[in-house]
């Protein structure tokens, strides 16, 4: 039964699939090259309904479905046919003695546990834990020297086309590759089950965390051209966020492009009105809102036109023609938006190297942040939402008026995306000065004021946000000296009374948010 050069011919196949459409398509390809098809339960019914001869697993095992369908393929007649080594005399003797025929291909699509959008009870979820299917996959993957394994329905049609072209033959390298993919897939599947069954207070950060990833975008290089890099997303989940983007033009994305793009997608989506954010080195160099994307872009760029050169722009609205023409007025690496007017897309494509990205327009809920450090990983809940907006309170004698309060909220959203220590000076529609990544908060305040003046922007009457509390009054004084008349900060310092007294002395309003937004 051994074939030369590691090539195996598929003669008998077993299909057991949750998604029946893909299973039927695979069966058609198999049937076209004379492969005998065996299938379980509803899969066999679906295949027979299109006129393909199919043998039911129950014929091979001598049992119909047991325990309400919990047991269908867990039988020696199935697993011996998968695991038998075709050049081992003892294995072949066992098959002959048991009247068991070998399988050359096993194609499985597991119960959908748990699909991201599947809202079901815990009991219903437990019934979606696939046992037999995982056993089939693991057995076939282990025996890849003789058996081809397909571990999810997304592989079925592509493999069917490939197999027909090869006349039903499959190389050893292809079998090994599919086996590796199968074990990666079941590892992710088991990890999702473990997460679901964890105690409620451990659901986000369980005692053991399985992280199985699928390689997505091909990257030009890593953080530097001499480093290789790739983008991965959680295996077994529907692609979301950057994993689901569409690129219309330009060179392949790099590692640093994606780091900037992550913020360029997230930040504008924080605003209800049309918004634009310009990113450089994972920090905003300008954020603006307006009545339309063109106005929002103008406000964002005005913050720091020099740093905006070579930046990445993110929008939360469809890009129209006038906005596209404005984007092309200076050098931009990447532009990202939830949609593009056809005329805008045509204009942007004239820039040969511009990466044009379309994204879904939403942020996946319940995210974790992962960061590698020496010897391990840091994992945390993603910093989402601004519940503190419902409980903002002024700690000073002077209260912010309505316009100031809206401007403070704008600045507070912006400062969460600026590297700590962070200070943002803003009005109600744009950032005016951004002080990012400084070792002291007073230096961040000085930098924000200096950047505003470099851009020729007036800080008198503006507001400011600090991502963490003022440890001393000096940072506040720098801002007030520049004309800032309202400030938002988390509060919580032992020096809060001193800083509040300083704000009262200078006649400015200071709001305590009660929540810190560090970003390292």
Protein backbone atom coordinates (compact mmCIF):
# COMPACT_ATOMS: atom_id res chain seq x y z
CA UNK A 1 0.00 0.00 0.00
CA UNK A 2 3.08 2.28 0.13
CA UNK A 3 3.46 4.72 -2.76
CA UNK A 4 6.75 6.15 -4.07
CA UNK A 5 8.25 9.49 -2.98
CA UNK A 6 5.87 9.97 -0.05
CA UNK A 7 2.88 10.61 -2.34
CA UNK A 8 -0.47 9.17 -1.21
CA UNK A 9 -3.57 8.67 -3.30
CA UNK A 10 -6.91 9.38 -1.67
CA UNK A 11 -9.23 6.43 -2.14
CA UNK A 12 -11.55 6.62 0.87
CA UNK A 13 -12.50 9.77 2.80
CA UNK A 14 -14.38 10.53 6.01
CA UNK A 15 -16.29 13.81 6.32
CA UNK A 16 -17.87 15.09 9.54
CA UNK A 17 -18.77 18.77 9.40
CA UNK A 18 -20.85 21.38 11.21
CA UNK A 19 -20.96 23.57 8.09
CA UNK A 20 -22.69 21.42 5.49
CA UNK A 21 -22.30 23.63 2.41
CA UNK A 22 -18.52 23.30 2.37
CA UNK A 23 -18.77 19.58 3.16
CA UNK A 24 -20.98 19.02 0.13
CA UNK A 25 -18.56 20.95 -2.09
CA UNK A 26 -15.64 18.83 -0.88
CA UNK A 27 -17.66 15.65 -1.50
CA UNK A 28 -18.24 16.77 -5.10
CA UNK A 29 -14.50 17.16 -5.67
CA UNK A 30 -13.79 13.78 -4.08
CA UNK A 31 -16.49 12.06 -6.08
CA UNK A 32 -15.14 13.54 -9.33
CA UNK A 33 -11.87 11.62 -8.92
CA UNK A 34 -13.50 8.40 -7.74
CA UNK A 35 -12.94 8.73 -3.98
CA UNK A 36 -15.37 6.77 -1.79
CA UNK A 37 -17.06 9.11 0.67
CA UNK A 38 -18.06 8.15 4.21
CA UNK A 39 -19.88 10.69 6.37
CA UNK A 40 -21.62 11.03 9.71
CA UNK A 41 -25.21 12.00 10.55
CA UNK A 42 -26.43 15.20 8.96
CA UNK A 43 -23.30 15.49 6.83
CA UNK A 44 -24.16 12.21 5.09
CA UNK A 45 -27.73 13.38 4.54
CA UNK A 46 -26.60 16.69 2.99
CA UNK A 47 -24.17 14.93 0.66
CA UNK A 48 -26.69 12.29 -0.46
CA UNK A 49 -29.25 15.02 -1.26
CA UNK A 50 -27.04 16.29 -4.12
CA UNK A 51 -26.88 12.82 -5.66
CA UNK A 52 -23.46 11.70 -4.43
CA UNK A 53 -23.14 8.15 -3.20
CA UNK A 54 -22.17 8.27 0.44
CA UNK A 55 -21.66 5.56 3.05
CA UNK A 56 -22.87 6.37 6.55
CA UNK A 57 -20.49 5.97 9.47
CA UNK A 58 -23.17 3.92 11.19
CA UNK A 59 -22.74 1.21 8.51
CA UNK A 60 -19.04 0.92 9.34
CA UNK A 61 -19.56 0.96 13.11
CA UNK A 62 -22.82 -0.98 13.35
CA UNK A 63 -24.30 1.71 15.61
CA UNK A 64 -26.64 4.60 14.99
CA UNK A 65 -25.98 7.84 16.89
CA UNK A 66 -25.85 7.23 20.64
CA UNK A 67 -26.62 9.53 23.57
CA UNK A 68 -28.57 11.99 21.47
CA UNK A 69 -25.74 12.42 18.98
CA UNK A 70 -22.90 12.70 21.50
CA UNK A 71 -21.38 9.49 20.14
CA UNK A 72 -21.16 9.01 16.38
CA UNK A 73 -17.56 8.43 15.29
CA UNK A 74 -15.94 7.21 18.54
CA UNK A 75 -15.48 3.61 17.43
CA UNK A 76 -12.53 1.29 16.56
CA UNK A 77 -13.86 0.82 13.03
CA UNK A 78 -13.32 4.55 12.49
CA UNK A 79 -10.18 5.28 14.46
CA UNK A 80 -8.31 2.10 13.49
CA UNK A 81 -9.00 3.03 9.86
CA UNK A 82 -7.42 6.43 10.53
CA UNK A 83 -4.46 5.43 12.71
CA UNK A 84 -3.28 2.28 10.91
CA UNK A 85 0.26 2.47 9.52
CA UNK A 86 0.03 1.25 5.96
CA UNK A 87 3.50 -0.31 5.89
CA UNK A 88 3.20 -2.05 9.27
CA UNK A 89 2.31 -5.74 8.96
CA UNK A 90 0.73 -5.91 12.42
CA UNK A 91 -1.50 -2.90 11.79
CA UNK A 92 -2.61 -4.31 8.46
CA UNK A 93 -3.32 -7.67 10.07
CA UNK A 94 -5.48 -5.98 12.71
CA UNK A 95 -7.44 -4.16 10.01
CA UNK A 96 -8.00 -7.39 8.14
CA UNK A 97 -9.06 -9.29 11.24
CA UNK A 98 -11.57 -6.57 12.12
CA UNK A 99 -12.87 -6.12 8.59
CA UNK A 100 -11.83 -2.46 8.79
CA UNK A 101 -10.98 -0.32 5.77
CA UNK A 102 -8.45 2.52 6.05
CA UNK A 103 -9.24 6.18 5.51
CA UNK A 104 -6.91 8.29 3.38
CA UNK A 105 -8.54 11.65 4.15
CA UNK A 106 -10.35 12.95 7.22
CA UNK A 107 -12.21 16.26 6.85
CA UNK A 108 -13.77 17.75 9.99
CA UNK A 109 -15.48 21.00 10.85
CA UNK A 110 -15.96 21.25 14.62
CA UNK A 111 -18.99 22.50 16.50
CA UNK A 112 -18.68 26.31 16.71
CA UNK A 113 -17.43 26.70 20.28
CA UNK A 114 -17.66 29.53 21.00
CA UNK A 115 -18.13 31.75 17.97
CA UNK A 116 -17.63 35.41 19.03
CA UNK A 117 -21.20 36.38 18.19
CA UNK A 118 -22.83 33.24 19.60
CA UNK A 119 -24.82 34.28 22.68
CA UNK A 120 -25.81 31.04 24.42
CA UNK A 121 -26.13 29.69 27.94
CA UNK A 122 -23.41 27.73 29.69
CA UNK A 123 -25.36 24.47 29.28
CA UNK A 124 -25.81 25.11 25.56
CA UNK A 125 -22.13 25.92 25.27
CA UNK A 126 -21.16 22.63 26.91
CA UNK A 127 -23.18 20.73 24.31
CA UNK A 128 -21.10 22.48 21.66
CA UNK A 129 -17.86 20.99 22.98
CA UNK A 130 -16.86 18.70 20.11
CA UNK A 131 -15.35 15.40 21.28
CA UNK A 132 -15.47 13.02 18.34
CA UNK A 133 -14.43 15.64 15.80
CA UNK A 134 -11.33 16.63 17.75
CA UNK A 135 -10.40 12.94 18.14
CA UNK A 136 -10.73 12.46 14.37
CA UNK A 137 -8.53 15.46 13.66
CA UNK A 138 -5.85 14.45 16.15
CA UNK A 139 -5.76 10.85 14.92
CA UNK A 140 -5.44 11.88 11.27
CA UNK A 141 -2.86 14.54 12.07
CA UNK A 142 -0.78 12.08 14.07
CA UNK A 143 -0.86 9.65 11.15
CA UNK A 144 -0.09 12.27 8.48
CA UNK A 145 2.43 9.92 6.88
CA UNK A 146 -0.58 8.08 5.44
CA UNK A 147 -3.63 10.33 6.01
CA UNK A 148 -4.62 13.82 4.88
CA UNK A 149 -6.35 15.92 7.55
CA UNK A 150 -8.57 18.96 6.99
CA UNK A 151 -9.39 20.58 10.32
CA UNK A 152 -11.98 23.22 9.39
CA UNK A 153 -14.43 23.91 6.60
CA UNK A 154 -12.53 26.94 5.33
CA UNK A 155 -9.94 24.51 3.92
CA UNK A 156 -12.40 22.23 2.10
CA UNK A 157 -12.92 23.93 -1.26
CA UNK A 158 -9.32 25.08 -1.74
CA UNK A 159 -8.06 21.58 -1.00
CA UNK A 160 -10.70 20.03 -3.27
CA UNK A 161 -9.50 22.11 -6.22
CA UNK A 162 -5.87 21.31 -5.41
CA UNK A 163 -6.56 17.58 -5.09
CA UNK A 164 -8.48 17.31 -8.38
CA UNK A 165 -5.62 19.02 -10.22
CA UNK A 166 -3.24 16.45 -8.72
CA UNK A 167 -5.47 13.51 -9.67
CA UNK A 168 -6.32 12.67 -6.06
CA UNK A 169 -2.68 12.53 -4.95
CA UNK A 170 -1.18 14.44 -2.02
CA UNK A 171 2.50 14.93 -1.21
CA UNK A 172 4.06 14.20 2.15
CA UNK A 173 4.98 17.86 2.66
CA UNK A 174 1.39 18.95 2.11
CA UNK A 175 0.13 16.30 4.54
CA UNK A 176 2.66 17.42 7.15
CA UNK A 177 1.65 21.07 6.69
CA UNK A 178 -2.04 20.24 7.11
CA UNK A 179 -1.26 18.19 10.21
CA UNK A 180 0.57 21.11 11.81
CA UNK A 181 -2.38 23.39 11.02
CA UNK A 182 -4.72 20.82 12.54
CA UNK A 183 -2.89 20.69 15.87
CA UNK A 184 -2.73 24.50 15.97
CA UNK A 185 -6.47 24.64 15.30
CA UNK A 186 -7.43 22.15 18.03
CA UNK A 187 -5.11 23.89 20.50
CA UNK A 188 -6.98 27.14 19.91
CA UNK A 189 -10.32 25.35 20.15
CA UNK A 190 -9.40 23.82 23.51
CA UNK A 191 -8.11 27.19 24.71
CA UNK A 192 -11.44 28.85 23.97
CA UNK A 193 -13.28 26.13 25.87
CA UNK A 194 -10.95 26.53 28.85
CA UNK A 195 -11.56 30.29 28.85
CA UNK A 196 -15.32 29.84 28.70
CA UNK A 197 -15.36 27.36 31.57
CA UNK A 198 -13.10 29.45 33.81
CA UNK A 199 -14.65 31.03 36.87
CA UNK A 200 -16.31 34.37 36.17
CA UNK A 201 -13.66 36.30 38.08
CA UNK A 202 -10.92 34.56 36.10
CA UNK A 203 -12.53 34.77 32.67
CA UNK A 204 -10.29 37.58 31.51
CA UNK A 205 -7.11 36.39 33.25
CA UNK A 206 -7.40 32.63 33.91
CA UNK A 207 -4.70 30.65 35.72
CA UNK A 208 -3.57 29.24 32.39
CA UNK A 209 -3.95 31.14 29.12
CA UNK A 210 -3.76 29.35 25.77
CA UNK A 211 -2.76 31.66 22.96
CA UNK A 212 -3.07 30.16 19.49
CA UNK A 213 -2.60 32.54 16.60
CA UNK A 214 -3.09 32.43 12.85
CA UNK A 215 -0.68 34.31 10.64
CA UNK A 216 -2.46 37.07 8.77
CA UNK A 217 -0.85 39.97 6.93
CA UNK A 218 2.58 39.56 5.39
CA UNK A 219 4.77 42.42 6.65
CA UNK A 220 7.55 44.12 4.72
CA UNK A 221 9.82 43.78 7.74
CA UNK A 222 9.84 44.12 11.52
CA UNK A 223 10.52 47.28 13.52
CA UNK A 224 13.69 47.76 11.45
CA UNK A 225 14.45 46.49 7.94
CA UNK A 226 16.93 43.89 9.23
CA UNK A 227 14.19 42.27 11.38
CA UNK A 228 11.57 39.89 10.03
CA UNK A 229 7.99 40.29 11.23
CA UNK A 230 4.45 39.03 10.77
CA UNK A 231 0.95 39.87 11.99
CA UNK A 232 -1.08 37.17 13.77
CA UNK A 233 -4.66 37.11 15.03
CA UNK A 234 -6.49 34.70 17.39
CA UNK A 235 -7.07 31.34 15.72
CA UNK A 236 -10.66 30.15 15.44
CA UNK A 237 -12.15 33.63 15.69
CA UNK A 238 -13.61 35.66 12.87
CA UNK A 239 -11.03 38.24 11.76
CA UNK A 240 -11.67 41.63 13.34
CA UNK A 241 -9.87 44.95 13.65
CA UNK A 242 -6.60 44.98 11.72
CA UNK A 243 -7.10 41.31 10.81
CA UNK A 244 -10.14 42.36 8.78
CA UNK A 245 -8.76 45.38 6.92
CA UNK A 246 -8.73 45.73 3.14
CA UNK A 247 -5.74 47.42 1.47
CA UNK A 248 -6.42 49.16 -1.84
CA UNK A 249 -3.02 50.49 -2.75
CA UNK A 250 0.61 51.07 -1.83
CA UNK A 251 3.44 48.94 -0.53
CA UNK A 252 2.93 46.10 1.98
CA UNK A 253 2.52 47.28 5.56
CA UNK A 254 5.42 47.14 8.00
CA UNK A 255 5.57 46.34 11.71
CA UNK A 256 5.66 50.03 12.68
CA UNK A 257 2.85 50.85 10.24
CA UNK A 258 0.58 48.42 12.12
CA UNK A 259 1.54 49.82 15.51
CA UNK A 260 0.53 53.28 14.32
CA UNK A 261 -2.51 51.95 12.46
CA UNK A 262 -3.82 50.37 15.66
CA UNK A 263 -4.17 53.83 17.25
CA UNK A 264 -5.26 55.47 13.99
CA UNK A 265 -8.26 53.11 13.92
CA UNK A 266 -9.14 53.23 17.61
CA UNK A 267 -8.81 56.92 18.35
CA UNK A 268 -11.26 58.45 15.82
CA UNK A 269 -13.88 55.88 16.80
CA UNK A 270 -13.99 57.41 20.29
CA UNK A 271 -15.78 60.45 18.84
CA UNK A 272 -19.42 60.72 17.77
CA UNK A 273 -18.73 63.52 15.29
CA UNK A 274 -16.45 63.24 12.22
CA UNK A 275 -12.89 62.87 13.50
CA UNK A 276 -9.36 62.47 12.20
CA UNK A 277 -6.15 61.45 13.96
CA UNK A 278 -2.60 61.72 12.64
CA UNK A 279 -0.11 59.26 14.15
CA UNK A 280 3.68 59.24 14.30
CA UNK A 281 5.62 56.62 16.26
CA UNK A 282 2.45 55.35 18.01
CA UNK A 283 1.62 58.82 19.40
CA UNK A 284 -0.88 61.31 17.97
CA UNK A 285 0.66 64.46 16.54
CA UNK A 286 -2.79 65.86 15.83
CA UNK A 287 -6.45 65.07 16.57
CA UNK A 288 -9.38 66.98 15.20
CA UNK A 289 -13.16 66.84 14.92
CA UNK A 290 -15.47 68.81 12.66
CA UNK A 291 -18.70 68.85 10.72
CA UNK A 292 -17.12 66.64 8.04
CA UNK A 293 -13.89 64.66 7.48
CA UNK A 294 -12.24 67.53 5.60
CA UNK A 295 -12.72 69.92 8.51
CA UNK A 296 -11.61 67.27 11.02
CA UNK A 297 -8.43 66.63 9.00
CA UNK A 298 -7.63 70.34 8.84
CA UNK A 299 -8.02 70.66 12.59
CA UNK A 300 -5.84 67.60 13.22
CA UNK A 301 -3.07 68.73 10.90
CA UNK A 302 -2.95 72.24 12.34
CA UNK A 303 -1.65 70.89 15.67
CA UNK A 304 1.77 69.96 14.28
CA UNK A 305 2.14 70.18 10.48
CA UNK A 306 5.84 69.35 10.66
CA UNK A 307 5.33 66.05 12.52
CA UNK A 308 2.34 65.19 10.33
CA UNK A 309 4.75 64.69 7.39
CA UNK A 310 5.07 60.93 6.82
CA UNK A 311 2.29 60.14 9.29
CA UNK A 312 -0.65 57.78 9.33
CA UNK A 313 -4.15 59.26 9.18
CA UNK A 314 -7.25 57.59 10.60
CA UNK A 315 -10.84 58.70 9.96
CA UNK A 316 -14.16 57.57 11.46
CA UNK A 317 -16.21 58.57 8.39
CA UNK A 318 -16.18 57.85 4.67
CA UNK A 319 -13.46 59.80 2.90
CA UNK A 320 -14.90 62.07 0.20
CA UNK A 321 -13.17 63.67 -2.78
CA UNK A 322 -12.23 66.96 -1.13
CA UNK A 323 -10.72 65.13 1.85
CA UNK A 324 -8.77 62.79 -0.42
CA UNK A 325 -7.32 65.77 -2.29
CA UNK A 326 -6.27 67.31 1.05
CA UNK A 327 -4.56 64.06 2.08
CA UNK A 328 -2.46 64.15 -1.11
CA UNK A 329 -1.18 67.65 -0.36
CA UNK A 330 1.60 66.23 1.81
CA UNK A 331 3.47 62.97 2.23
CA UNK A 332 1.38 60.38 4.09
CA UNK A 333 2.36 56.75 4.71
CA UNK A 334 -1.10 55.29 5.38
CA UNK A 335 -4.69 56.52 5.28
CA UNK A 336 -7.41 54.47 7.00
CA UNK A 337 -11.18 54.93 6.92
CA UNK A 338 -14.35 52.83 7.18
CA UNK A 339 -15.19 53.66 3.54
CA UNK A 340 -14.11 55.73 0.53
CA UNK A 341 -16.17 57.46 -2.12
CA UNK A 342 -15.19 56.01 -5.50
CA UNK A 343 -13.84 59.38 -6.68
CA UNK A 344 -11.80 59.75 -3.48
CA UNK A 345 -10.34 56.27 -3.93
CA UNK A 346 -9.33 57.07 -7.50
CA UNK A 347 -7.52 60.23 -6.34
CA UNK A 348 -5.71 58.47 -3.49
CA UNK A 349 -4.56 55.66 -5.77
CA UNK A 350 -2.59 58.21 -7.79
CA UNK A 351 -0.08 58.20 -4.91
CA UNK A 352 1.76 55.02 -5.82
CA UNK A 353 3.24 54.32 -2.38
CA UNK A 354 0.25 55.38 -0.25
CA UNK A 355 -1.31 52.48 1.64
CA UNK A 356 -5.09 52.91 1.50
CA UNK A 357 -6.81 50.95 4.26
CA UNK A 358 -10.51 50.24 4.74
CA UNK A 359 -11.61 48.87 8.11
CA UNK A 360 -14.84 47.66 9.68
CA UNK A 361 -15.59 50.80 11.69
CA UNK A 362 -15.90 49.11 15.09
CA UNK A 363 -13.61 47.96 17.91
CA UNK A 364 -13.93 44.33 19.10
CA UNK A 365 -15.29 44.15 22.64
CA UNK A 366 -13.64 42.31 25.53
CA UNK A 367 -10.09 42.66 24.25
CA UNK A 368 -6.93 41.80 26.10
CA UNK A 369 -3.65 43.67 25.69
CA UNK A 370 -0.56 41.47 25.35
CA UNK A 371 3.00 42.69 25.64
CA UNK A 372 6.12 40.57 25.65
CA UNK A 373 8.78 41.23 28.27
CA UNK A 374 11.96 39.37 29.16
CA UNK A 375 10.90 35.81 30.03
CA UNK A 376 7.14 36.18 29.68
CA UNK A 377 4.06 38.13 28.74
CA UNK A 378 2.10 40.93 30.37
CA UNK A 379 -1.67 40.62 29.87
CA UNK A 380 -4.31 43.15 30.83
CA UNK A 381 -7.85 44.19 30.09
CA UNK A 382 -7.94 46.75 27.30
CA UNK A 383 -8.61 50.32 28.46
CA UNK A 384 -12.01 50.91 26.85
CA UNK A 385 -14.75 53.43 27.43
CA UNK A 386 -14.99 56.59 29.53
CA UNK A 387 -17.50 55.81 32.30
CA UNK A 388 -15.99 58.67 34.28
CA UNK A 389 -17.75 61.14 31.98
CA UNK A 390 -20.94 60.50 33.91
CA UNK A 391 -19.36 61.51 37.21
CA UNK A 392 -16.98 64.38 36.43
CA UNK A 393 -16.67 66.85 39.29
CA UNK A 394 -14.85 70.13 39.70
CA UNK A 395 -12.48 70.15 42.67
CA UNK A 396 -12.02 73.92 42.46
CA UNK A 397 -14.10 76.95 43.32
CA UNK A 398 -14.41 77.81 39.66
CA UNK A 399 -16.67 75.48 37.69
CA UNK A 400 -16.15 74.79 33.96
CA UNK A 401 -18.89 76.13 31.70
CA UNK A 402 -20.59 73.92 29.11
CA UNK A 403 -18.13 74.68 26.31
CA UNK A 404 -15.16 74.11 28.58
CA UNK A 405 -16.56 70.82 29.80
CA UNK A 406 -16.96 69.54 26.22
CA UNK A 407 -13.42 70.68 25.42
CA UNK A 408 -12.15 68.88 28.54
CA UNK A 409 -13.84 65.67 27.41
CA UNK A 410 -12.19 66.02 24.00
CA UNK A 411 -8.79 66.52 25.63
CA UNK A 412 -9.39 63.59 27.99
CA UNK A 413 -10.14 61.23 25.09
CA UNK A 414 -7.03 62.46 23.29
CA UNK A 415 -4.66 62.13 26.25
CA UNK A 416 -5.47 58.42 26.70
CA UNK A 417 -3.74 57.74 23.38
CA UNK A 418 -0.63 59.82 24.11
CA UNK A 419 2.46 58.18 25.58
CA UNK A 420 2.98 58.85 29.30
CA UNK A 421 3.84 61.20 30.86
CA UNK A 422 1.25 62.98 28.73
CA UNK A 423 -0.22 66.48 28.61
CA UNK A 424 -2.68 67.58 25.92
CA UNK A 425 -3.72 71.20 25.34
CA UNK A 426 -6.90 71.50 23.28
CA UNK A 427 -10.01 73.40 22.43
CA UNK A 428 -13.34 71.82 21.54
CA UNK A 429 -12.34 70.75 18.03
CA UNK A 430 -8.60 70.06 17.97
CA UNK A 431 -5.45 69.40 19.90
CA UNK A 432 -3.30 72.52 20.20
CA UNK A 433 -0.19 71.15 21.89
CA UNK A 434 0.85 67.61 22.82
CA UNK A 435 3.54 66.75 25.34
CA UNK A 436 4.29 63.02 25.11
CA UNK A 437 6.59 60.44 26.64
CA UNK A 438 8.38 62.68 29.12
CA UNK A 439 10.12 61.54 32.27
CA UNK A 440 8.43 64.23 34.37
CA UNK A 441 4.95 65.72 34.15
CA UNK A 442 6.24 69.28 34.26
CA UNK A 443 8.43 68.54 31.24
CA UNK A 444 5.37 67.17 29.42
CA UNK A 445 3.56 70.44 30.18
CA UNK A 446 6.50 72.51 28.93
CA UNK A 447 6.65 70.40 25.75
CA UNK A 448 2.93 70.76 25.06
CA UNK A 449 3.17 74.55 25.36
CA UNK A 450 6.33 74.67 23.22
CA UNK A 451 4.78 72.50 20.48
CA UNK A 452 1.73 74.77 20.37
CA UNK A 453 3.89 77.85 19.99
CA UNK A 454 6.03 76.17 17.31
CA UNK A 455 2.83 75.63 15.31
CA UNK A 456 1.75 79.24 15.88
CA UNK A 457 -1.32 78.21 17.90
CA UNK A 458 -2.80 80.31 20.69
CA UNK A 459 -3.08 78.54 24.05
CA UNK A 460 -4.95 81.39 25.75
CA UNK A 461 -8.41 80.18 26.73
CA UNK A 462 -7.57 76.54 25.94
CA UNK A 463 -8.06 73.55 28.20
CA UNK A 464 -5.62 70.81 29.16
CA UNK A 465 -5.66 67.14 30.15
CA UNK A 466 -3.10 65.22 32.19
CA UNK A 467 -3.16 61.41 31.93
CA UNK A 468 -2.24 61.06 35.62
CA UNK A 469 -2.32 63.31 38.66
CA UNK A 470 -0.09 66.36 39.14
CA UNK A 471 2.41 65.38 41.84
CA UNK A 472 3.19 69.09 42.40
CA UNK A 473 1.71 72.39 41.31
CA UNK A 474 4.58 73.15 38.90
CA UNK A 475 3.01 71.36 35.92
CA UNK A 476 -0.28 73.18 36.46
CA UNK A 477 1.51 76.52 36.71
CA UNK A 478 3.23 75.95 33.35
CA UNK A 479 -0.15 75.42 31.69
CA UNK A 480 -1.86 78.36 33.39
CA UNK A 481 1.07 80.63 32.53
CA UNK A 482 0.39 79.73 28.89
CA UNK A 483 -3.26 80.81 29.22
CA UNK A 484 -4.99 77.48 29.92
CA UNK A 485 -8.13 78.14 31.99
CA UNK A 486 -9.50 74.65 32.66
CA UNK A 487 -7.76 71.34 33.40
CA UNK A 488 -8.84 67.71 33.73
CA UNK A 489 -6.79 65.15 35.65
CA UNK A 490 -7.50 61.93 37.58
CA UNK A 491 -6.71 63.22 41.05
CA UNK A 492 -5.46 60.90 43.76
CA UNK A 493 -2.15 62.50 44.73
CA UNK A 494 -1.19 63.26 48.32
CA UNK A 495 -0.51 66.73 46.94
CA UNK A 496 -4.08 67.15 45.59
CA UNK A 497 -4.93 69.85 48.20
CA UNK A 498 -1.84 71.83 47.19
CA UNK A 499 -2.66 71.54 43.46
CA UNK A 500 -6.33 72.46 44.06
CA UNK A 501 -5.23 75.49 46.07
CA UNK A 502 -2.91 76.49 43.22
CA UNK A 503 -5.78 76.24 40.72
CA UNK A 504 -7.99 78.37 42.97
CA UNK A 505 -5.16 80.87 43.38
CA UNK A 506 -4.80 81.12 39.59
CA UNK A 507 -8.56 81.25 39.01
CA UNK A 508 -8.83 78.17 36.79
CA UNK A 509 -11.30 75.29 36.84
CA UNK A 510 -9.93 71.83 37.57
CA UNK A 511 -11.97 68.68 37.08
CA UNK A 512 -11.11 65.34 38.70
CA UNK A 513 -11.96 62.35 36.49
CA UNK A 514 -11.21 59.72 39.13
CA UNK A 515 -9.56 57.43 36.56
CA UNK A 516 -6.00 57.33 35.25
CA UNK A 517 -5.13 56.61 31.59
CA UNK A 518 -1.42 55.79 31.45
CA UNK A 519 -0.10 54.51 28.13
CA UNK A 520 3.46 53.21 28.20
